[in-house]
Amino acid sequence: PLVNPPQSGILGMHAILERPVAHEGTVVIRPMMYL
């Protein structure tokens, strides 16, 4: 995302997708979002 001047930051949220992730030594499927 592009900053809205004169601000200094903008947070971009994205789609929630189920993906395999490592959790406590095992692979689990979790709803993940990139920020």
PDB file of all heavy atoms in Angstrom:
ATOM      1  N   PRO A   1       0.822  -1.211   0.000  1.00  0.00           N
ATOM      2  CA  PRO A   1       0.000   0.000   0.000  1.00  0.00           C
ATOM      3  C   PRO A   1       0.854   1.258   0.000  1.00  0.00           C
ATOM      4  O   PRO A   1       2.011   1.238   0.453  1.00  0.00           O
ATOM      5  CB  PRO A   1      -0.805  -0.130   1.301  1.00  0.00           C
ATOM      6  CG  PRO A   1       0.038  -0.998   2.180  1.00  0.00           C
ATOM      7  CD  PRO A   1       0.722  -1.960   1.265  1.00  0.00           C
ATOM      8  N   LEU A   2       0.295   2.346  -0.516  1.00  0.00           N
ATOM      9  CA  LEU A   2       1.014   3.610  -0.579  1.00  0.00           C
ATOM     10  C   LEU A   2       0.575   4.529   0.555  1.00  0.00           C
ATOM     11  O   LEU A   2      -0.622   4.637   0.860  1.00  0.00           O
ATOM     12  CB  LEU A   2       0.779   4.299  -1.919  1.00  0.00           C
ATOM     13  CG  LEU A   2       1.516   3.722  -3.125  1.00  0.00           C
ATOM     14  CD1 LEU A   2       1.168   4.492  -4.386  1.00  0.00           C
ATOM     15  CD2 LEU A   2       3.015   3.747  -2.900  1.00  0.00           C
ATOM     16  N   VAL A   3       1.534   5.208   1.142  1.00  0.00           N
ATOM     17  CA  VAL A   3       1.273   6.118   2.262  1.00  0.00           C
ATOM     18  C   VAL A   3       0.447   7.307   1.794  1.00  0.00           C
ATOM     19  O   VAL A   3       0.612   7.808   0.674  1.00  0.00           O
ATOM     20  CB  VAL A   3       2.605   6.603   2.874  1.00  0.00           C
ATOM     21  CG1 VAL A   3       2.378   7.698   3.898  1.00  0.00           C
ATOM     22  CG2 VAL A   3       3.345   5.434   3.509  1.00  0.00           C
ATOM     23  N   ASN A   4      -0.458   7.757   2.650  1.00  0.00           N
ATOM     24  CA  ASN A   4      -1.284   8.928   2.380  1.00  0.00           C
ATOM     25  C   ASN A   4      -0.608  10.153   2.989  1.00  0.00           C
ATOM     26  O   ASN A   4      -0.654  10.342   4.201  1.00  0.00           O
ATOM     27  CB  ASN A   4      -2.676   8.714   2.989  1.00  0.00           C
ATOM     28  CG  ASN A   4      -3.626   9.861   2.692  1.00  0.00           C
ATOM     29  OD1 ASN A   4      -3.433  10.616   1.752  1.00  0.00           O
ATOM     30  ND2 ASN A   4      -4.648  10.005   3.512  1.00  0.00           N
ATOM     31  N   PRO A   5       0.067  11.007   2.190  1.00  0.00           N
ATOM     32  CA  PRO A   5       0.791  12.157   2.748  1.00  0.00           C
ATOM     33  C   PRO A   5      -0.143  13.065   3.553  1.00  0.00           C
ATOM     34  O   PRO A   5      -1.311  13.200   3.196  1.00  0.00           O
ATOM     35  CB  PRO A   5       1.311  12.893   1.491  1.00  0.00           C
ATOM     36  CG  PRO A   5       1.255  11.883   0.398  1.00  0.00           C
ATOM     37  CD  PRO A   5       0.110  10.984   0.723  1.00  0.00           C
ATOM     38  N   PRO A   6       0.338  13.693   4.634  1.00  0.00           N
ATOM     39  CA  PRO A   6       1.722  13.662   5.149  1.00  0.00           C
ATOM     40  C   PRO A   6       1.973  12.570   6.181  1.00  0.00           C
ATOM     41  O   PRO A   6       2.938  12.659   6.940  1.00  0.00           O
ATOM     42  CB  PRO A   6       1.834  15.041   5.794  1.00  0.00           C
ATOM     43  CG  PRO A   6       0.471  15.285   6.371  1.00  0.00           C
ATOM     44  CD  PRO A   6      -0.493  14.676   5.371  1.00  0.00           C
ATOM     45  N   GLN A   7       1.112  11.564   6.241  1.00  0.00           N
ATOM     46  CA  GLN A   7       1.317  10.472   7.191  1.00  0.00           C
ATOM     47  C   GLN A   7       2.619   9.745   6.885  1.00  0.00           C
ATOM     48  O   GLN A   7       3.176   9.873   5.796  1.00  0.00           O
ATOM     49  CB  GLN A   7       0.135   9.501   7.140  1.00  0.00           C
ATOM     50  CG  GLN A   7      -1.196  10.129   7.549  1.00  0.00           C
ATOM     51  CD  GLN A   7      -2.367   9.193   7.323  1.00  0.00           C
ATOM     52  OE1 GLN A   7      -2.208   7.980   7.246  1.00  0.00           O
ATOM     53  NE2 GLN A   7      -3.567   9.754   7.213  1.00  0.00           N
ATOM     54  N   SER A   8       3.061   8.942   7.840  1.00  0.00           N
ATOM     55  CA  SER A   8       4.328   8.231   7.670  1.00  0.00           C
ATOM     56  C   SER A   8       4.164   6.729   7.546  1.00  0.00           C
ATOM     57  O   SER A   8       5.145   6.025   7.345  1.00  0.00           O
ATOM     58  CB  SER A   8       5.259   8.543   8.857  1.00  0.00           C
ATOM     59  OG  SER A   8       5.580   9.911   8.880  1.00  0.00           O
ATOM     60  N   GLY A   9       2.929   6.232   7.686  1.00  0.00           N
ATOM     61  CA  GLY A   9       2.758   4.795   7.598  1.00  0.00           C
ATOM     62  C   GLY A   9       1.351   4.391   7.228  1.00  0.00           C
ATOM     63  O   GLY A   9       0.388   5.128   7.465  1.00  0.00           O
ATOM     64  N   ILE A  10       1.227   3.214   6.628  1.00  0.00           N
ATOM     65  CA  ILE A  10      -0.075   2.629   6.299  1.00  0.00           C
ATOM     66  C   ILE A  10       0.032   1.120   6.464  1.00  0.00           C
ATOM     67  O   ILE A  10       1.014   0.504   6.031  1.00  0.00           O
ATOM     68  CB  ILE A  10      -0.540   2.996   4.876  1.00  0.00           C
ATOM     69  CG1 ILE A  10      -1.905   2.352   4.563  1.00  0.00           C
ATOM     70  CG2 ILE A  10       0.480   2.600   3.836  1.00  0.00           C
ATOM     71  CD1 ILE A  10      -2.512   2.840   3.252  1.00  0.00           C
ATOM     72  N   LEU A  11      -0.956   0.520   7.123  1.00  0.00           N
ATOM     73  CA  LEU A  11      -0.982  -0.916   7.334  1.00  0.00           C
ATOM     74  C   LEU A  11      -1.915  -1.552   6.313  1.00  0.00           C
ATOM     75  O   LEU A  11      -3.076  -1.158   6.179  1.00  0.00           O
ATOM     76  CB  LEU A  11      -1.478  -1.235   8.747  1.00  0.00           C
ATOM     77  CG  LEU A  11      -1.610  -2.725   9.100  1.00  0.00           C
ATOM     78  CD1 LEU A  11      -0.228  -3.385   9.157  1.00  0.00           C
ATOM     79  CD2 LEU A  11      -2.355  -2.911  10.415  1.00  0.00           C
ATOM     80  N   GLY A  12      -1.418  -2.545   5.601  1.00  0.00           N
ATOM     81  CA  GLY A  12      -2.223  -3.263   4.617  1.00  0.00           C
ATOM     82  C   GLY A  12      -2.625  -4.630   5.139  1.00  0.00           C
ATOM     83  O   GLY A  12      -1.765  -5.439   5.495  1.00  0.00           O
ATOM     84  N   MET A  13      -3.946  -4.877   5.219  1.00  0.00           N
ATOM     85  CA  MET A  13      -4.477  -6.195   5.562  1.00  0.00           C
ATOM     86  C   MET A  13      -4.787  -6.946   4.273  1.00  0.00           C
ATOM     87  O   MET A  13      -5.027  -6.325   3.236  1.00  0.00           O
ATOM     88  CB  MET A  13      -5.757  -6.045   6.395  1.00  0.00           C
ATOM     89  CG  MET A  13      -5.586  -5.311   7.703  1.00  0.00           C
ATOM     90  SD  MET A  13      -7.183  -4.796   8.417  1.00  0.00           S
ATOM     91  CE  MET A  13      -8.081  -6.360   8.466  1.00  0.00           C
ATOM     92  N   HIS A  14      -4.796  -8.265   4.356  1.00  0.00           N
ATOM     93  CA  HIS A  14      -5.028  -9.063   3.157  1.00  0.00           C
ATOM     94  C   HIS A  14      -5.956 -10.232   3.448  1.00  0.00           C
ATOM     95  O   HIS A  14      -6.462 -10.373   4.565  1.00  0.00           O
ATOM     96  CB  HIS A  14      -3.693  -9.527   2.579  1.00  0.00           C
ATOM     97  CG  HIS A  14      -2.802  -8.394   2.174  1.00  0.00           C
ATOM     98  ND1 HIS A  14      -1.895  -7.813   3.041  1.00  0.00           N
ATOM     99  CD2 HIS A  14      -2.713  -7.693   1.022  1.00  0.00           C
ATOM    100  CE1 HIS A  14      -1.273  -6.812   2.429  1.00  0.00           C
ATOM    101  NE2 HIS A  14      -1.749  -6.719   1.207  1.00  0.00           N
ATOM    102  N   ALA A  15      -6.185 -11.040   2.424  1.00  0.00           N
ATOM    103  CA  ALA A  15      -7.136 -12.143   2.557  1.00  0.00           C
ATOM    104  C   ALA A  15      -6.644 -13.174   3.574  1.00  0.00           C
ATOM    105  O   ALA A  15      -5.437 -13.410   3.718  1.00  0.00           O
ATOM    106  CB  ALA A  15      -7.344 -12.801   1.195  1.00  0.00           C
ATOM    107  N   ILE A  16      -7.593 -13.782   4.277  1.00  0.00           N
ATOM    108  CA  ILE A  16      -7.285 -14.864   5.221  1.00  0.00           C
ATOM    109  C   ILE A  16      -7.373 -16.181   4.463  1.00  0.00           C
ATOM    110  O   ILE A  16      -8.427 -16.537   3.924  1.00  0.00           O
ATOM    111  CB  ILE A  16      -8.272 -14.858   6.399  1.00  0.00           C
ATOM    112  CG1 ILE A  16      -8.210 -13.511   7.130  1.00  0.00           C
ATOM    113  CG2 ILE A  16      -7.967 -15.999   7.355  1.00  0.00           C
ATOM    114  CD1 ILE A  16      -9.274 -13.350   8.204  1.00  0.00           C
ATOM    115  N   LEU A  17      -6.254 -16.891   4.408  1.00  0.00           N
ATOM    116  CA  LEU A  17      -6.194 -18.163   3.669  1.00  0.00           C
ATOM    117  C   LEU A  17      -5.634 -19.252   4.581  1.00  0.00           C
ATOM    118  O   LEU A  17      -4.674 -19.021   5.327  1.00  0.00           O
ATOM    119  CB  LEU A  17      -5.301 -18.031   2.433  1.00  0.00           C
ATOM    120  CG  LEU A  17      -5.732 -16.994   1.386  1.00  0.00           C
ATOM    121  CD1 LEU A  17      -4.667 -16.879   0.302  1.00  0.00           C
ATOM    122  CD2 LEU A  17      -7.067 -17.377   0.778  1.00  0.00           C
ATOM    123  N   GLU A  18      -6.222 -20.416   4.497  1.00  0.00           N
ATOM    124  CA  GLU A  18      -5.706 -21.536   5.265  1.00  0.00           C
ATOM    125  C   GLU A  18      -4.425 -22.048   4.612  1.00  0.00           C
ATOM    126  O   GLU A  18      -4.406 -22.374   3.427  1.00  0.00           O
ATOM    127  CB  GLU A  18      -6.752 -22.657   5.354  1.00  0.00           C
ATOM    128  CG  GLU A  18      -7.938 -22.293   6.247  1.00  0.00           C
ATOM    129  CD  GLU A  18      -8.797 -23.497   6.553  1.00  0.00           C
ATOM    130  OE1 GLU A  18      -8.705 -24.500   5.814  1.00  0.00           O
ATOM    131  OE2 GLU A  18      -9.552 -23.444   7.547  1.00  0.00           O
ATOM    132  N   ARG A  19      -3.351 -22.123   5.441  1.00  0.00           N
ATOM    133  CA  ARG A  19      -2.056 -22.551   4.923  1.00  0.00           C
ATOM    134  C   ARG A  19      -1.376 -23.448   5.947  1.00  0.00           C
ATOM    135  O   ARG A  19      -1.592 -23.305   7.155  1.00  0.00           O
ATOM    136  CB  ARG A  19      -1.158 -21.341   4.625  1.00  0.00           C
ATOM    137  CG  ARG A  19      -1.628 -20.499   3.453  1.00  0.00           C
ATOM    138  CD  ARG A  19      -0.595 -19.463   3.055  1.00  0.00           C
ATOM    139  NE  ARG A  19      -0.615 -18.293   3.930  1.00  0.00           N
ATOM    140  CZ  ARG A  19       0.371 -17.965   4.738  1.00  0.00           C
ATOM    141  NH1 ARG A  19       1.456 -18.722   4.822  1.00  0.00           N
ATOM    142  NH2 ARG A  19       0.288 -16.876   5.482  1.00  0.00           N
ATOM    143  N   PRO A  20      -0.511 -24.341   5.488  1.00  0.00           N
ATOM    144  CA  PRO A  20       0.255 -25.160   6.436  1.00  0.00           C
ATOM    145  C   PRO A  20       1.361 -24.333   7.086  1.00  0.00           C
ATOM    146  O   PRO A  20       2.115 -23.636   6.398  1.00  0.00           O
ATOM    147  CB  PRO A  20       0.835 -26.270   5.548  1.00  0.00           C
ATOM    148  CG  PRO A  20       0.879 -25.678   4.171  1.00  0.00           C
ATOM    149  CD  PRO A  20      -0.270 -24.733   4.091  1.00  0.00           C
ATOM    150  N   VAL A  21       1.430 -24.369   8.409  1.00  0.00           N
ATOM    151  CA  VAL A  21       2.462 -23.637   9.143  1.00  0.00           C
ATOM    152  C   VAL A  21       3.024 -24.551  10.225  1.00  0.00           C
ATOM    153  O   VAL A  21       2.367 -25.497  10.681  1.00  0.00           O
ATOM    154  CB  VAL A  21       1.911 -22.337   9.776  1.00  0.00           C
ATOM    155  CG1 VAL A  21       1.475 -21.353   8.719  1.00  0.00           C
ATOM    156  CG2 VAL A  21       0.758 -22.653  10.728  1.00  0.00           C
ATOM    157  N   ALA A  22       4.250 -24.253  10.634  1.00  0.00           N
ATOM    158  CA  ALA A  22       4.887 -25.022  11.713  1.00  0.00           C
ATOM    159  C   ALA A  22       4.413 -24.498  13.055  1.00  0.00           C
ATOM    160  O   ALA A  22       4.415 -23.276  13.299  1.00  0.00           O
ATOM    161  CB  ALA A  22       6.398 -24.914  11.605  1.00  0.00           C
ATOM    162  N   HIS A  23       3.975 -25.406  13.950  1.00  0.00           N
ATOM    163  CA  HIS A  23       3.510 -25.017  15.277  1.00  0.00           C
ATOM    164  C   HIS A  23       3.940 -26.081  16.280  1.00  0.00           C
ATOM    165  O   HIS A  23       3.480 -27.225  16.227  1.00  0.00           O
ATOM    166  CB  HIS A  23       1.986 -24.863  15.280  1.00  0.00           C
ATOM    167  CG  HIS A  23       1.426 -24.500  16.624  1.00  0.00           C
ATOM    168  ND1 HIS A  23       1.628 -23.270  17.193  1.00  0.00           N
ATOM    169  CD2 HIS A  23       0.678 -25.226  17.510  1.00  0.00           C
ATOM    170  CE1 HIS A  23       1.023 -23.226  18.366  1.00  0.00           C
ATOM    171  NE2 HIS A  23       0.441 -24.411  18.590  1.00  0.00           N
ATOM    172  N   GLU A  24       4.856 -25.680  17.180  1.00  0.00           N
ATOM    173  CA  GLU A  24       5.351 -26.572  18.229  1.00  0.00           C
ATOM    174  C   GLU A  24       5.863 -27.885  17.657  1.00  0.00           C
ATOM    175  O   GLU A  24       5.552 -28.980  18.146  1.00  0.00           O
ATOM    176  CB  GLU A  24       4.267 -26.825  19.283  1.00  0.00           C
ATOM    177  CG  GLU A  24       3.840 -25.565  20.015  1.00  0.00           C
ATOM    178  CD  GLU A  24       2.767 -25.837  21.057  1.00  0.00           C
ATOM    179  OE1 GLU A  24       2.255 -26.979  21.099  1.00  0.00           O
ATOM    180  OE2 GLU A  24       2.444 -24.915  21.833  1.00  0.00           O
ATOM    181  N   GLY A  25       6.622 -27.776  16.583  1.00  0.00           N
ATOM    182  CA  GLY A  25       7.282 -28.946  16.008  1.00  0.00           C
ATOM    183  C   GLY A  25       6.446 -29.773  15.061  1.00  0.00           C
ATOM    184  O   GLY A  25       6.926 -30.789  14.537  1.00  0.00           O
ATOM    185  N   THR A  26       5.212 -29.343  14.802  1.00  0.00           N
ATOM    186  CA  THR A  26       4.361 -30.072  13.861  1.00  0.00           C
ATOM    187  C   THR A  26       3.807 -29.115  12.817  1.00  0.00           C
ATOM    188  O   THR A  26       3.774 -27.896  13.021  1.00  0.00           O
ATOM    189  CB  THR A  26       3.192 -30.758  14.583  1.00  0.00           C
ATOM    190  OG1 THR A  26       2.388 -29.762  15.222  1.00  0.00           O
ATOM    191  CG2 THR A  26       3.694 -31.750  15.626  1.00  0.00           C
ATOM    192  N   VAL A  27       3.357 -29.682  11.711  1.00  0.00           N
ATOM    193  CA  VAL A  27       2.752 -28.879  10.648  1.00  0.00           C
ATOM    194  C   VAL A  27       1.237 -28.901  10.831  1.00  0.00           C
ATOM    195  O   VAL A  27       0.623 -29.966  10.883  1.00  0.00           O
ATOM    196  CB  VAL A  27       3.132 -29.407   9.252  1.00  0.00           C
ATOM    197  CG1 VAL A  27       2.417 -28.603   8.173  1.00  0.00           C
ATOM    198  CG2 VAL A  27       4.640 -29.326   9.052  1.00  0.00           C
ATOM    199  N   VAL A  28       0.648 -27.704  10.938  1.00  0.00           N
ATOM    200  CA  VAL A  28      -0.801 -27.588  11.127  1.00  0.00           C
ATOM    201  C   VAL A  28      -1.367 -26.640  10.079  1.00  0.00           C
ATOM    202  O   VAL A  28      -0.639 -25.825   9.491  1.00  0.00           O
ATOM    203  CB  VAL A  28      -1.145 -27.072  12.546  1.00  0.00           C
ATOM    204  CG1 VAL A  28      -0.710 -28.075  13.607  1.00  0.00           C
ATOM    205  CG2 VAL A  28      -0.492 -25.715  12.796  1.00  0.00           C
ATOM    206  N   ILE A  29      -2.663 -26.734   9.858  1.00  0.00           N
ATOM    207  CA  ILE A  29      -3.337 -25.838   8.928  1.00  0.00           C
ATOM    208  C   ILE A  29      -3.970 -24.709   9.745  1.00  0.00           C
ATOM    209  O   ILE A  29      -4.772 -24.964  10.645  1.00  0.00           O
ATOM    210  CB  ILE A  29      -4.424 -26.564   8.119  1.00  0.00           C
ATOM    211  CG1 ILE A  29      -3.813 -27.750   7.362  1.00  0.00           C
ATOM    212  CG2 ILE A  29      -5.109 -25.599   7.143  1.00  0.00           C
ATOM    213  CD1 ILE A  29      -2.765 -27.368   6.362  1.00  0.00           C
ATOM    214  N   ARG A  30      -3.601 -23.467   9.424  1.00  0.00           N
ATOM    215  CA  ARG A  30      -4.102 -22.324  10.169  1.00  0.00           C
ATOM    216  C   ARG A  30      -4.591 -21.226   9.205  1.00  0.00           C
ATOM    217  O   ARG A  30      -4.049 -21.090   8.094  1.00  0.00           O
ATOM    218  CB  ARG A  30      -3.004 -21.731  11.072  1.00  0.00           C
ATOM    219  CG  ARG A  30      -2.608 -22.631  12.222  1.00  0.00           C
ATOM    220  CD  ARG A  30      -3.733 -22.776  13.215  1.00  0.00           C
ATOM    221  NE  ARG A  30      -3.434 -23.693  14.291  1.00  0.00           N
ATOM    222  CZ  ARG A  30      -2.794 -23.373  15.418  1.00  0.00           C
ATOM    223  NH1 ARG A  30      -2.363 -22.136  15.598  1.00  0.00           N
ATOM    224  NH2 ARG A  30      -2.577 -24.279  16.339  1.00  0.00           N
ATOM    225  N   PRO A  31      -5.585 -20.438   9.628  1.00  0.00           N
ATOM    226  CA  PRO A  31      -6.021 -19.291   8.812  1.00  0.00           C
ATOM    227  C   PRO A  31      -5.005 -18.154   8.949  1.00  0.00           C
ATOM    228  O   PRO A  31      -4.897 -17.527  10.006  1.00  0.00           O
ATOM    229  CB  PRO A  31      -7.380 -18.923   9.426  1.00  0.00           C
ATOM    230  CG  PRO A  31      -7.292 -19.374  10.849  1.00  0.00           C
ATOM    231  CD  PRO A  31      -6.399 -20.576  10.861  1.00  0.00           C
ATOM    232  N   MET A  32      -4.275 -17.898   7.918  1.00  0.00           N
ATOM    233  CA  MET A  32      -3.171 -16.932   7.973  1.00  0.00           C
ATOM    234  C   MET A  32      -3.473 -15.701   7.122  1.00  0.00           C
ATOM    235  O   MET A  32      -4.155 -15.783   6.093  1.00  0.00           O
ATOM    236  CB  MET A  32      -1.875 -17.575   7.486  1.00  0.00           C
ATOM    237  CG  MET A  32      -1.478 -18.845   8.238  1.00  0.00           C
ATOM    238  SD  MET A  32      -1.138 -18.572   9.994  1.00  0.00           S
ATOM    239  CE  MET A  32       0.351 -17.546   9.889  1.00  0.00           C
ATOM    240  N   MET A  33      -2.950 -14.577   7.563  1.00  0.00           N
ATOM    241  CA  MET A  33      -3.064 -13.325   6.806  1.00  0.00           C
ATOM    242  C   MET A  33      -1.688 -12.680   6.718  1.00  0.00           C
ATOM    243  O   MET A  33      -0.961 -12.601   7.710  1.00  0.00           O
ATOM    244  CB  MET A  33      -4.024 -12.346   7.509  1.00  0.00           C
ATOM    245  CG  MET A  33      -4.088 -10.962   6.827  1.00  0.00           C
ATOM    246  SD  MET A  33      -4.910  -9.692   7.816  1.00  0.00           S
ATOM    247  CE  MET A  33      -6.613 -10.216   7.720  1.00  0.00           C
ATOM    248  N   TYR A  34      -1.348 -12.211   5.522  1.00  0.00           N
ATOM    249  CA  TYR A  34      -0.137 -11.406   5.371  1.00  0.00           C
ATOM    250  C   TYR A  34      -0.447  -9.956   5.728  1.00  0.00           C
ATOM    251  O   TYR A  34      -1.495  -9.416   5.358  1.00  0.00           O
ATOM    252  CB  TYR A  34       0.375 -11.469   3.929  1.00  0.00           C
ATOM    253  CG  TYR A  34       1.042 -12.782   3.570  1.00  0.00           C
ATOM    254  CD1 TYR A  34       0.513 -13.596   2.565  1.00  0.00           C
ATOM    255  CD2 TYR A  34       2.192 -13.189   4.224  1.00  0.00           C
ATOM    256  CE1 TYR A  34       1.113 -14.795   2.229  1.00  0.00           C
ATOM    257  CE2 TYR A  34       2.800 -14.402   3.889  1.00  0.00           C
ATOM    258  CZ  TYR A  34       2.256 -15.189   2.898  1.00  0.00           C
ATOM    259  OH  TYR A  34       2.857 -16.377   2.580  1.00  0.00           O
ATOM    260  N   LEU A  35       0.480  -9.333   6.441  1.00  0.00           N
ATOM    261  CA  LEU A  35       0.386  -7.909   6.769  1.00  0.00           C
ATOM    262  C   LEU A  35       1.520  -7.165   6.078  1.00  0.00           C
ATOM    263  O   LEU A  35       2.630  -7.700   5.940  1.00  0.00           O
ATOM    264  CB  LEU A  35       0.486  -7.687   8.286  1.00  0.00           C
ATOM    265  CG  LEU A  35      -0.604  -8.282   9.167  1.00  0.00           C
ATOM    266  CD1 LEU A  35      -0.302  -7.982  10.632  1.00  0.00           C
ATOM    267  CD2 LEU A  35      -1.961  -7.736   8.770  1.00  0.00           C
TER     268      LEU A  35
END
